[in-house]
């Protein structure tokens, strides 16, 4: 496999992993091509068995975790059957699991791992912050510097505040918007994800915040604008991702976002652009690419260099609700909102490592990779959607403007693709989503294209 090596299974402790400069190990053989005409269920069961057999230490760690953690996991997106692979170490864009197997990391921590696992400038900044001490319970200079860096990139954020995650950023942005508009209703979009308690996919209603939500179809400009106008008395906030990440890396059509901007401006509703994931697509996010000015913006993921982070901000009059100099200001708590590690990491990440040139290069690399992958699967039902360095496979050939309920067969194909990529030494999200990190280069992209082309050929009978 070009660009990836499957590490040997090693005895002993979890730390005993294959080092980057070790001799390449022979990649495990993929299922026999003679099986290509077997039923999908049989192929999937064969792939599951091969996956489990190659990862005994991950299996054991999962069983131990189930004795303490509900379901053996503390983050739902990282759980999958028969058990999730446990990672022991990372360097650059490479990961090594508990069984010593090596992977190219295409998951990129669901877009938070933009800088890879060992960016030296960020590591140096974090070590320096640790040396100065932790948990001051006071403002600091890095906090001010990071706020200025973000404000310079996102002019719509006339004022901003920090949180610990994108989830919290969206919760606080909604709090501000509902108070500013004095209307309780929220318009969101099917397939949208705005944090762990703002999930607008089937089956997630039980964990969502108890606020009145109207759902519309993503990329339906006419329908969404009509709802905003028809319910102008109750809908005070509209929240939208310019690229739906959890929904399958589906980009918004520019006319759709402009329709939302026009309708909210007309009714006085507040438009929140959730760029927690998509801000990586330019120095100033997708809003810069489209020339769009929302009322509020939410950010998160990579911006603190890999440390926990979120931010929300927008028009000065809205954010003034949090101004402690004014009587009756809204409270905004959070012990670690301005923790020294996130602030120090963010200053270096945005101030030194990821500037406009790096953002444009990463965007171009992702666009070229997605095109190459779609060429590799031409003639099958498979396709890749996305924007820039975020992409996701789908197993239906028609255009995909919005999220959909996958069929049981599509779910099986998605799992088979994931297991085959893991066998080939490529780590991606279980649902197939990929987010490139800066260390991912031409060789790594070529390895992915080669593996996907092999999957399309080997599994062609079930991809027709």
Protein backbone atom coordinates (compact mmCIF):
# COMPACT_ATOMS: atom_id res chain seq x y z
CA UNK A 1 0.00 0.00 0.00
CA UNK A 2 1.61 3.26 -1.06
CA UNK A 3 2.01 5.78 1.76
CA UNK A 4 0.67 3.57 4.59
CA UNK A 5 2.04 0.62 6.51
CA UNK A 6 0.05 -1.85 8.56
CA UNK A 7 2.06 -2.31 11.75
CA UNK A 8 2.86 -5.66 13.32
CA UNK A 9 0.89 -6.76 16.35
CA UNK A 10 3.24 -6.37 19.30
CA UNK A 11 3.25 -7.94 22.75
CA UNK A 12 3.42 -6.05 26.00
CA UNK A 13 2.17 -2.64 26.93
CA UNK A 14 0.02 -0.31 24.86
CA UNK A 15 3.06 1.92 24.35
CA UNK A 16 4.90 -0.75 22.33
CA UNK A 17 4.02 0.49 18.87
CA UNK A 18 5.74 0.60 15.51
CA UNK A 19 7.82 3.75 15.21
CA UNK A 20 7.69 5.91 12.06
CA UNK A 21 11.17 4.86 10.97
CA UNK A 22 10.58 1.15 11.41
CA UNK A 23 10.78 -1.23 8.49
CA UNK A 24 7.52 -1.51 6.57
CA UNK A 25 5.37 -4.45 7.58
CA UNK A 26 3.48 -6.48 5.07
CA UNK A 27 -0.07 -5.17 4.80
CA UNK A 28 -2.69 -7.81 5.58
CA UNK A 29 -4.24 -9.33 2.51
CA UNK A 30 -7.62 -7.98 1.53
CA UNK A 31 -10.48 -10.48 1.09
CA UNK A 32 -9.99 -12.71 -1.94
CA UNK A 33 -11.19 -11.19 -5.20
CA UNK A 34 -12.87 -14.49 -5.89
CA UNK A 35 -15.41 -13.44 -3.27
CA UNK A 36 -16.43 -10.39 -5.28
CA UNK A 37 -19.71 -12.02 -6.33
CA UNK A 38 -20.67 -13.06 -2.80
CA UNK A 39 -23.75 -11.44 -1.23
CA UNK A 40 -23.13 -8.11 0.50
CA UNK A 41 -23.97 -9.55 3.91
CA UNK A 42 -21.39 -12.32 3.54
CA UNK A 43 -18.70 -9.88 2.40
CA UNK A 44 -19.43 -7.62 5.35
CA UNK A 45 -19.28 -10.45 7.87
CA UNK A 46 -15.95 -11.57 6.40
CA UNK A 47 -14.59 -8.01 6.73
CA UNK A 48 -15.81 -7.77 10.35
CA UNK A 49 -14.06 -11.00 11.26
CA UNK A 50 -10.81 -9.84 9.66
CA UNK A 51 -11.06 -6.51 11.50
CA UNK A 52 -11.61 -8.17 14.88
CA UNK A 53 -8.91 -10.79 14.41
CA UNK A 54 -6.28 -8.11 13.71
CA UNK A 55 -7.06 -6.05 16.85
CA UNK A 56 -7.08 -8.22 19.99
CA UNK A 57 -5.75 -5.47 22.27
CA UNK A 58 -8.39 -2.99 21.09
CA UNK A 59 -11.03 -5.66 21.74
CA UNK A 60 -9.70 -6.24 25.25
CA UNK A 61 -9.52 -2.53 26.01
CA UNK A 62 -13.12 -2.10 24.91
CA UNK A 63 -14.30 -4.94 27.14
CA UNK A 64 -12.46 -3.40 30.09
CA UNK A 65 -13.93 0.03 29.32
CA UNK A 66 -17.44 -1.41 29.42
CA UNK A 67 -16.94 -2.08 33.12
CA UNK A 68 -16.70 1.66 33.80
CA UNK A 69 -17.99 3.62 30.82
CA UNK A 70 -21.58 3.23 29.66
CA UNK A 71 -21.27 1.23 26.44
CA UNK A 72 -17.49 1.29 26.76
CA UNK A 73 -17.30 4.78 25.27
CA UNK A 74 -17.62 8.39 26.30
CA UNK A 75 -18.24 9.87 22.85
CA UNK A 76 -20.94 8.36 20.68
CA UNK A 77 -19.33 9.15 17.33
CA UNK A 78 -16.30 7.03 18.29
CA UNK A 79 -18.36 3.92 19.01
CA UNK A 80 -18.92 1.26 16.38
CA UNK A 81 -19.21 -2.51 16.30
CA UNK A 82 -17.72 -4.98 16.79
CA UNK A 83 -15.55 -2.59 18.85
CA UNK A 84 -13.69 0.65 18.14
CA UNK A 85 -9.98 0.66 17.42
CA UNK A 86 -7.98 2.19 20.29
CA UNK A 87 -5.21 4.54 19.21
CA UNK A 88 -2.00 4.65 21.22
CA UNK A 89 0.07 7.34 19.52
CA UNK A 90 0.10 9.89 16.73
CA UNK A 91 2.75 11.82 14.83
CA UNK A 92 2.26 14.10 11.84
CA UNK A 93 -0.65 12.60 9.93
CA UNK A 94 0.01 9.06 11.20
CA UNK A 95 -1.61 7.03 13.98
CA UNK A 96 -0.59 3.78 15.67
CA UNK A 97 -3.20 1.63 17.38
CA UNK A 98 -2.98 -0.49 20.51
CA UNK A 99 -2.03 -3.51 18.40
CA UNK A 100 0.84 -1.70 16.67
CA UNK A 101 -0.89 -1.12 13.34
CA UNK A 102 -0.07 2.10 11.47
CA UNK A 103 -2.59 4.32 9.67
CA UNK A 104 -2.68 7.49 7.66
CA UNK A 105 -5.11 9.68 9.58
CA UNK A 106 -7.81 10.94 7.24
CA UNK A 107 -10.37 11.39 10.02
CA UNK A 108 -8.57 14.52 11.22
CA UNK A 109 -10.55 14.47 14.48
CA UNK A 110 -13.72 15.36 12.55
CA UNK A 111 -12.02 18.58 11.33
CA UNK A 112 -10.53 19.54 14.73
CA UNK A 113 -7.17 17.90 13.93
CA UNK A 114 -6.16 20.40 11.28
CA UNK A 115 -2.54 20.57 12.48
CA UNK A 116 -1.93 16.84 12.76
CA UNK A 117 -0.59 15.24 15.91
CA UNK A 118 2.76 16.92 16.48
CA UNK A 119 3.02 20.43 14.99
CA UNK A 120 6.24 21.67 16.66
CA UNK A 121 5.26 25.33 16.98
CA UNK A 122 2.02 24.46 18.72
CA UNK A 123 3.69 21.91 20.99
CA UNK A 124 6.28 24.53 21.97
CA UNK A 125 3.55 27.05 22.79
CA UNK A 126 1.73 24.52 24.95
CA UNK A 127 4.88 23.55 26.82
CA UNK A 128 5.62 27.22 27.49
CA UNK A 129 2.07 27.76 28.76
CA UNK A 130 2.38 24.76 31.06
CA UNK A 131 5.63 26.13 32.43
CA UNK A 132 3.91 29.41 33.34
CA UNK A 133 1.17 27.68 35.33
CA UNK A 134 -2.46 26.66 34.99
CA UNK A 135 -5.93 27.76 36.11
CA UNK A 136 -5.43 31.44 36.93
CA UNK A 137 -9.15 32.34 37.20
CA UNK A 138 -8.27 35.65 35.53
CA UNK A 139 -8.00 37.19 32.06
CA UNK A 140 -4.71 36.93 30.18
CA UNK A 141 -2.83 38.40 27.26
CA UNK A 142 -3.22 35.37 24.98
CA UNK A 143 -6.99 35.65 25.34
CA UNK A 144 -6.91 39.19 24.00
CA UNK A 145 -4.51 38.30 21.19
CA UNK A 146 -6.58 35.32 20.04
CA UNK A 147 -9.79 37.36 20.04
CA UNK A 148 -8.13 39.99 17.85
CA UNK A 149 -6.85 37.34 15.42
CA UNK A 150 -10.33 35.85 15.03
CA UNK A 151 -12.01 39.23 14.72
CA UNK A 152 -9.58 40.16 11.97
CA UNK A 153 -10.55 37.08 9.96
CA UNK A 154 -14.28 37.24 10.58
CA UNK A 155 -15.49 40.85 10.34
CA UNK A 156 -19.05 39.77 11.15
CA UNK A 157 -17.80 39.05 14.68
CA UNK A 158 -17.73 42.66 15.84
CA UNK A 159 -17.54 41.26 19.37
CA UNK A 160 -16.96 37.67 20.47
CA UNK A 161 -16.58 35.41 23.46
CA UNK A 162 -14.91 32.05 24.02
CA UNK A 163 -16.36 28.70 25.08
CA UNK A 164 -15.02 25.17 25.53
CA UNK A 165 -16.57 23.66 22.41
CA UNK A 166 -18.62 24.31 19.32
CA UNK A 167 -21.63 22.87 21.15
CA UNK A 168 -21.37 25.55 23.83
CA UNK A 169 -20.72 28.23 21.22
CA UNK A 170 -23.98 27.40 19.49
CA UNK A 171 -25.91 27.21 22.76
CA UNK A 172 -24.70 30.67 23.76
CA UNK A 173 -25.29 32.10 20.28
CA UNK A 174 -28.87 30.84 20.40
CA UNK A 175 -29.27 32.33 23.87
CA UNK A 176 -28.10 35.70 22.59
CA UNK A 177 -30.23 35.56 19.44
CA UNK A 178 -33.43 34.59 21.24
CA UNK A 179 -32.95 37.36 23.77
CA UNK A 180 -32.10 39.93 21.10
CA UNK A 181 -34.97 39.04 18.77
CA UNK A 182 -37.45 38.48 21.62
CA UNK A 183 -38.88 35.61 19.61
CA UNK A 184 -38.43 32.04 20.87
CA UNK A 185 -38.62 30.08 17.63
CA UNK A 186 -35.64 28.59 15.82
CA UNK A 187 -35.47 27.54 12.17
CA UNK A 188 -32.92 24.78 11.59
CA UNK A 189 -32.31 22.29 8.78
CA UNK A 190 -32.76 18.55 8.53
CA UNK A 191 -29.41 16.82 8.69
CA UNK A 192 -27.86 19.72 10.59
CA UNK A 193 -25.54 19.29 13.56
CA UNK A 194 -24.83 22.18 15.90
CA UNK A 195 -23.51 20.27 18.89
CA UNK A 196 -24.47 17.38 21.13
CA UNK A 197 -27.81 18.90 22.15
CA UNK A 198 -28.64 20.50 18.80
CA UNK A 199 -28.80 17.53 16.44
CA UNK A 200 -31.38 17.64 13.67
CA UNK A 201 -31.08 14.12 12.32
CA UNK A 202 -33.65 11.33 12.84
CA UNK A 203 -33.70 9.89 16.35
CA UNK A 204 -31.85 12.74 18.05
CA UNK A 205 -34.85 14.60 19.41
CA UNK A 206 -34.53 13.08 22.89
CA UNK A 207 -31.21 14.83 23.59
CA UNK A 208 -32.02 18.25 22.15
CA UNK A 209 -32.59 21.43 24.10
CA UNK A 210 -36.29 22.08 24.82
CA UNK A 211 -36.71 25.02 22.46
CA UNK A 212 -39.34 25.37 19.74
CA UNK A 213 -37.76 24.29 16.45
CA UNK A 214 -39.11 24.40 12.91
CA UNK A 215 -37.21 22.20 10.47
CA UNK A 216 -36.75 22.92 6.77
CA UNK A 217 -34.95 21.12 3.96
CA UNK A 218 -31.35 22.11 3.37
CA UNK A 219 -30.73 23.85 0.04
CA UNK A 220 -34.45 24.56 -0.39
CA UNK A 221 -34.12 28.32 -0.76
CA UNK A 222 -37.74 29.00 -1.62
CA UNK A 223 -39.21 26.78 1.09
CA UNK A 224 -36.95 28.05 3.87
CA UNK A 225 -37.48 31.71 2.98
CA UNK A 226 -41.24 31.16 2.91
CA UNK A 227 -41.17 29.63 6.41
CA UNK A 228 -39.15 32.56 7.77
CA UNK A 229 -41.69 35.03 6.37
CA UNK A 230 -44.79 33.00 7.28
CA UNK A 231 -43.65 32.53 10.89
CA UNK A 232 -42.08 35.97 11.31
CA UNK A 233 -43.87 36.45 14.59
CA UNK A 234 -42.25 33.42 16.22
CA UNK A 235 -39.03 32.56 14.32
CA UNK A 236 -36.40 34.87 15.76
CA UNK A 237 -33.33 32.81 14.87
CA UNK A 238 -32.11 30.82 11.87
CA UNK A 239 -29.04 28.60 12.23
CA UNK A 240 -27.30 26.95 9.29
CA UNK A 241 -24.00 25.29 8.37
CA UNK A 242 -22.53 26.40 5.04
CA UNK A 243 -21.34 22.79 4.74
CA UNK A 244 -23.35 20.18 6.63
CA UNK A 245 -20.66 18.04 8.23
CA UNK A 246 -22.58 15.29 10.01
CA UNK A 247 -25.16 15.36 7.23
CA UNK A 248 -22.59 14.00 4.77
CA UNK A 249 -20.31 16.95 3.87
CA UNK A 250 -23.01 18.64 1.80
CA UNK A 251 -22.25 22.21 0.69
CA UNK A 252 -24.92 24.89 0.73
CA UNK A 253 -25.79 26.40 -2.61
CA UNK A 254 -24.87 30.11 -2.58
CA UNK A 255 -28.41 31.08 -3.58
CA UNK A 256 -29.77 29.15 -0.60
CA UNK A 257 -27.63 31.05 1.91
CA UNK A 258 -28.43 34.36 0.23
CA UNK A 259 -32.15 33.59 0.46
CA UNK A 260 -31.76 33.03 4.20
CA UNK A 261 -29.85 36.29 4.51
CA UNK A 262 -32.53 38.22 2.62
CA UNK A 263 -35.48 36.70 4.50
CA UNK A 264 -33.96 37.18 7.95
CA UNK A 265 -33.01 40.77 7.17
CA UNK A 266 -36.61 41.40 6.10
CA UNK A 267 -38.21 39.90 9.23
CA UNK A 268 -35.60 40.91 11.80
CA UNK A 269 -34.67 37.32 12.59
CA UNK A 270 -31.04 36.68 13.47
CA UNK A 271 -28.99 34.55 11.08
CA UNK A 272 -26.36 32.38 12.78
CA UNK A 273 -23.75 30.87 10.46
CA UNK A 274 -22.28 27.80 12.11
CA UNK A 275 -18.70 27.63 10.81
CA UNK A 276 -17.43 25.32 13.54
CA UNK A 277 -16.27 22.91 10.82
CA UNK A 278 -16.31 24.97 7.63
CA UNK A 279 -14.18 27.90 8.78
CA UNK A 280 -11.12 25.95 7.57
CA UNK A 281 -12.13 26.53 3.92
CA UNK A 282 -10.58 30.01 3.86
CA UNK A 283 -8.84 32.28 6.33
CA UNK A 284 -12.26 33.84 6.92
CA UNK A 285 -14.35 30.75 6.32
CA UNK A 286 -17.04 30.09 3.75
CA UNK A 287 -18.60 33.47 4.51
CA UNK A 288 -15.46 35.06 3.08
CA UNK A 289 -15.64 32.89 -0.03
CA UNK A 290 -19.28 33.83 -0.63
CA UNK A 291 -19.19 37.44 0.53
CA UNK A 292 -21.92 36.67 3.08
CA UNK A 293 -22.35 38.66 6.30
CA UNK A 294 -24.40 36.82 8.94
CA UNK A 295 -25.63 38.38 12.19
CA UNK A 296 -23.73 35.85 14.30
CA UNK A 297 -20.97 33.30 13.76
CA UNK A 298 -19.98 30.22 15.72
CA UNK A 299 -16.52 28.66 15.58
CA UNK A 300 -14.65 25.76 17.15
CA UNK A 301 -12.71 22.60 16.33
CA UNK A 302 -9.13 23.34 15.16
CA UNK A 303 -8.79 26.99 16.19
CA UNK A 304 -6.92 26.37 19.44
CA UNK A 305 -4.37 24.13 17.75
CA UNK A 306 -6.00 20.92 18.97
CA UNK A 307 -7.05 22.11 22.42
CA UNK A 308 -10.71 22.38 23.40
CA UNK A 309 -12.25 25.52 21.92
CA UNK A 310 -15.35 27.32 20.81
CA UNK A 311 -16.28 30.92 20.05
CA UNK A 312 -19.44 32.84 19.28
CA UNK A 313 -19.82 36.43 18.22
CA UNK A 314 -21.56 38.84 15.92
CA UNK A 315 -23.11 42.23 15.75
CA UNK A 316 -22.02 44.57 18.49
CA UNK A 317 -25.60 45.30 19.58
CA UNK A 318 -26.33 41.58 20.04
CA UNK A 319 -23.10 40.80 21.87
CA UNK A 320 -23.65 43.82 24.14
CA UNK A 321 -26.12 41.59 25.97
CA UNK A 322 -23.07 39.99 27.62
CA UNK A 323 -21.31 43.27 28.47
CA UNK A 324 -20.78 43.24 32.22
CA UNK A 325 -20.38 47.03 32.17
CA UNK A 326 -24.13 47.22 31.51
CA UNK A 327 -26.82 46.53 34.10
CA UNK A 328 -28.69 43.27 33.59
CA UNK A 329 -26.08 41.64 31.34
CA UNK A 330 -26.66 38.02 30.38
CA UNK A 331 -24.41 35.62 32.30
CA UNK A 332 -21.93 33.50 30.39
CA UNK A 333 -20.14 31.00 32.61
CA UNK A 334 -17.48 28.40 31.81
CA UNK A 335 -14.50 27.54 34.01
CA UNK A 336 -12.27 26.73 31.05
CA UNK A 337 -13.51 29.30 28.52
CA UNK A 338 -10.16 31.09 28.53
CA UNK A 339 -7.92 28.29 29.80
CA UNK A 340 -4.26 29.02 29.20
CA UNK A 341 -3.60 26.00 26.96
CA UNK A 342 -6.38 26.79 24.49
CA UNK A 343 -5.49 30.47 24.39
CA UNK A 344 -1.76 29.82 23.87
CA UNK A 345 -2.42 27.15 21.26
CA UNK A 346 -4.85 29.36 19.38
CA UNK A 347 -2.51 32.33 19.17
CA UNK A 348 0.16 30.21 17.47
CA UNK A 349 -2.29 28.15 15.39
CA UNK A 350 -3.94 31.18 13.81
CA UNK A 351 -1.09 33.64 14.15
CA UNK A 352 1.77 31.51 12.81
CA UNK A 353 0.67 28.18 11.34
CA UNK A 354 -2.63 28.54 9.49
CA UNK A 355 -2.74 31.75 7.53
CA UNK A 356 -4.48 32.69 4.26
CA UNK A 357 -1.90 30.94 2.06
CA UNK A 358 -2.10 27.70 4.04
CA UNK A 359 -5.91 27.83 3.99
CA UNK A 360 -5.98 28.25 0.21
CA UNK A 361 -3.47 25.44 -0.35
CA UNK A 362 -5.45 23.08 1.88
CA UNK A 363 -8.69 23.98 0.11
CA UNK A 364 -7.14 23.30 -3.30
CA UNK A 365 -5.66 19.99 -2.14
CA UNK A 366 -9.04 18.83 -0.92
CA UNK A 367 -10.82 19.86 -4.11
CA UNK A 368 -8.28 17.96 -6.21
CA UNK A 369 -8.51 14.89 -3.97
CA UNK A 370 -12.30 14.75 -4.16
CA UNK A 371 -12.16 14.99 -7.96
CA UNK A 372 -9.59 12.16 -8.11
CA UNK A 373 -11.70 9.97 -5.82
CA UNK A 374 -14.79 10.49 -7.94
CA UNK A 375 -12.79 9.51 -11.02
CA UNK A 376 -11.66 6.37 -9.17
CA UNK A 377 -15.24 5.27 -8.45
CA UNK A 378 -16.73 6.27 -11.82
CA UNK A 379 -19.14 3.66 -13.11
CA UNK A 380 -20.29 2.61 -9.62
CA UNK A 381 -23.07 3.90 -7.40
CA UNK A 382 -20.44 5.48 -5.11
CA UNK A 383 -19.58 9.18 -5.01
CA UNK A 384 -17.81 11.69 -2.77
CA UNK A 385 -19.32 15.03 -1.78
CA UNK A 386 -17.76 17.90 0.12
CA UNK A 387 -15.95 21.18 -0.05
CA UNK A 388 -12.23 21.74 0.18
CA UNK A 389 -10.61 19.52 2.79
CA UNK A 390 -13.89 17.97 4.06
CA UNK A 391 -15.36 15.05 2.11
CA UNK A 392 -17.62 12.05 2.57
CA UNK A 393 -18.58 8.97 0.52
CA UNK A 394 -22.15 8.15 -0.45
CA UNK A 395 -23.52 5.04 -2.08
CA UNK A 396 -26.09 6.53 -4.42
CA UNK A 397 -25.28 8.01 -7.83
CA UNK A 398 -27.74 10.90 -8.05
CA UNK A 399 -27.06 14.50 -6.92
CA UNK A 400 -27.32 14.88 -3.14
CA UNK A 401 -28.46 18.41 -2.21
CA UNK A 402 -29.61 17.51 1.31
CA UNK A 403 -29.39 14.86 4.01
CA UNK A 404 -31.31 11.62 3.52
CA UNK A 405 -32.16 8.44 5.39
CA UNK A 406 -29.74 5.77 4.20
CA UNK A 407 -31.17 2.42 3.18
CA UNK A 408 -30.03 -0.73 5.02
CA UNK A 409 -27.94 -1.65 1.96
CA UNK A 410 -26.28 1.78 1.94
CA UNK A 411 -25.43 1.37 5.63
CA UNK A 412 -23.85 -2.01 4.90
CA UNK A 413 -21.78 -0.56 2.07
CA UNK A 414 -20.65 2.30 4.30
CA UNK A 415 -19.47 -0.17 6.93
CA UNK A 416 -17.74 -2.35 4.33
CA UNK A 417 -15.92 0.69 2.97
CA UNK A 418 -14.78 1.69 6.46
CA UNK A 419 -13.51 -1.81 7.28
CA UNK A 420 -11.69 -2.13 3.97
CA UNK A 421 -10.00 1.25 4.46
CA UNK A 422 -8.94 0.28 7.99
CA UNK A 423 -7.50 -2.97 6.59
CA UNK A 424 -5.56 -0.88 4.07
CA UNK A 425 -4.05 1.32 6.80
CA UNK A 426 -6.31 4.36 6.34
CA UNK A 427 -8.17 5.77 9.33
CA UNK A 428 -11.38 7.69 8.70
CA UNK A 429 -14.66 8.28 10.49
CA UNK A 430 -16.89 5.23 10.75
CA UNK A 431 -19.50 7.06 8.64
CA UNK A 432 -16.80 7.69 6.02
CA UNK A 433 -16.22 11.39 6.63
CA UNK A 434 -12.68 12.66 6.06
CA UNK A 435 -11.04 15.94 7.03
CA UNK A 436 -7.52 16.58 5.76
CA UNK A 437 -4.86 17.84 8.11
CA UNK A 438 -1.99 20.07 7.04
CA UNK A 439 0.59 17.23 7.18
CA UNK A 440 -1.41 15.18 4.64
CA UNK A 441 0.50 15.57 1.38
CA UNK A 442 0.52 14.26 -2.16
CA UNK A 443 1.78 10.79 -1.19
CA UNK A 444 -0.95 10.33 1.39
CA UNK A 445 -3.65 11.53 -1.02
CA UNK A 446 -2.33 9.14 -3.66
CA UNK A 447 -2.51 6.28 -1.15
CA UNK A 448 -6.16 7.08 -0.47
CA UNK A 449 -7.05 7.24 -4.17
CA UNK A 450 -5.28 3.92 -4.75
CA UNK A 451 -7.16 2.27 -1.88
CA UNK A 452 -10.52 3.63 -3.01
CA UNK A 453 -9.89 2.52 -6.58
CA UNK A 454 -9.07 -0.94 -5.24
CA UNK A 455 -12.26 -0.97 -3.22
CA UNK A 456 -14.32 0.03 -6.27
CA UNK A 457 -12.78 -2.76 -8.33
CA UNK A 458 -12.82 -5.45 -5.65
CA UNK A 459 -16.40 -4.69 -4.54
CA UNK A 460 -17.76 -3.79 -7.94
CA UNK A 461 -20.47 -6.47 -7.85
CA UNK A 462 -22.13 -4.84 -4.84
CA UNK A 463 -21.50 -1.27 -6.03
CA UNK A 464 -23.55 -1.51 -9.23
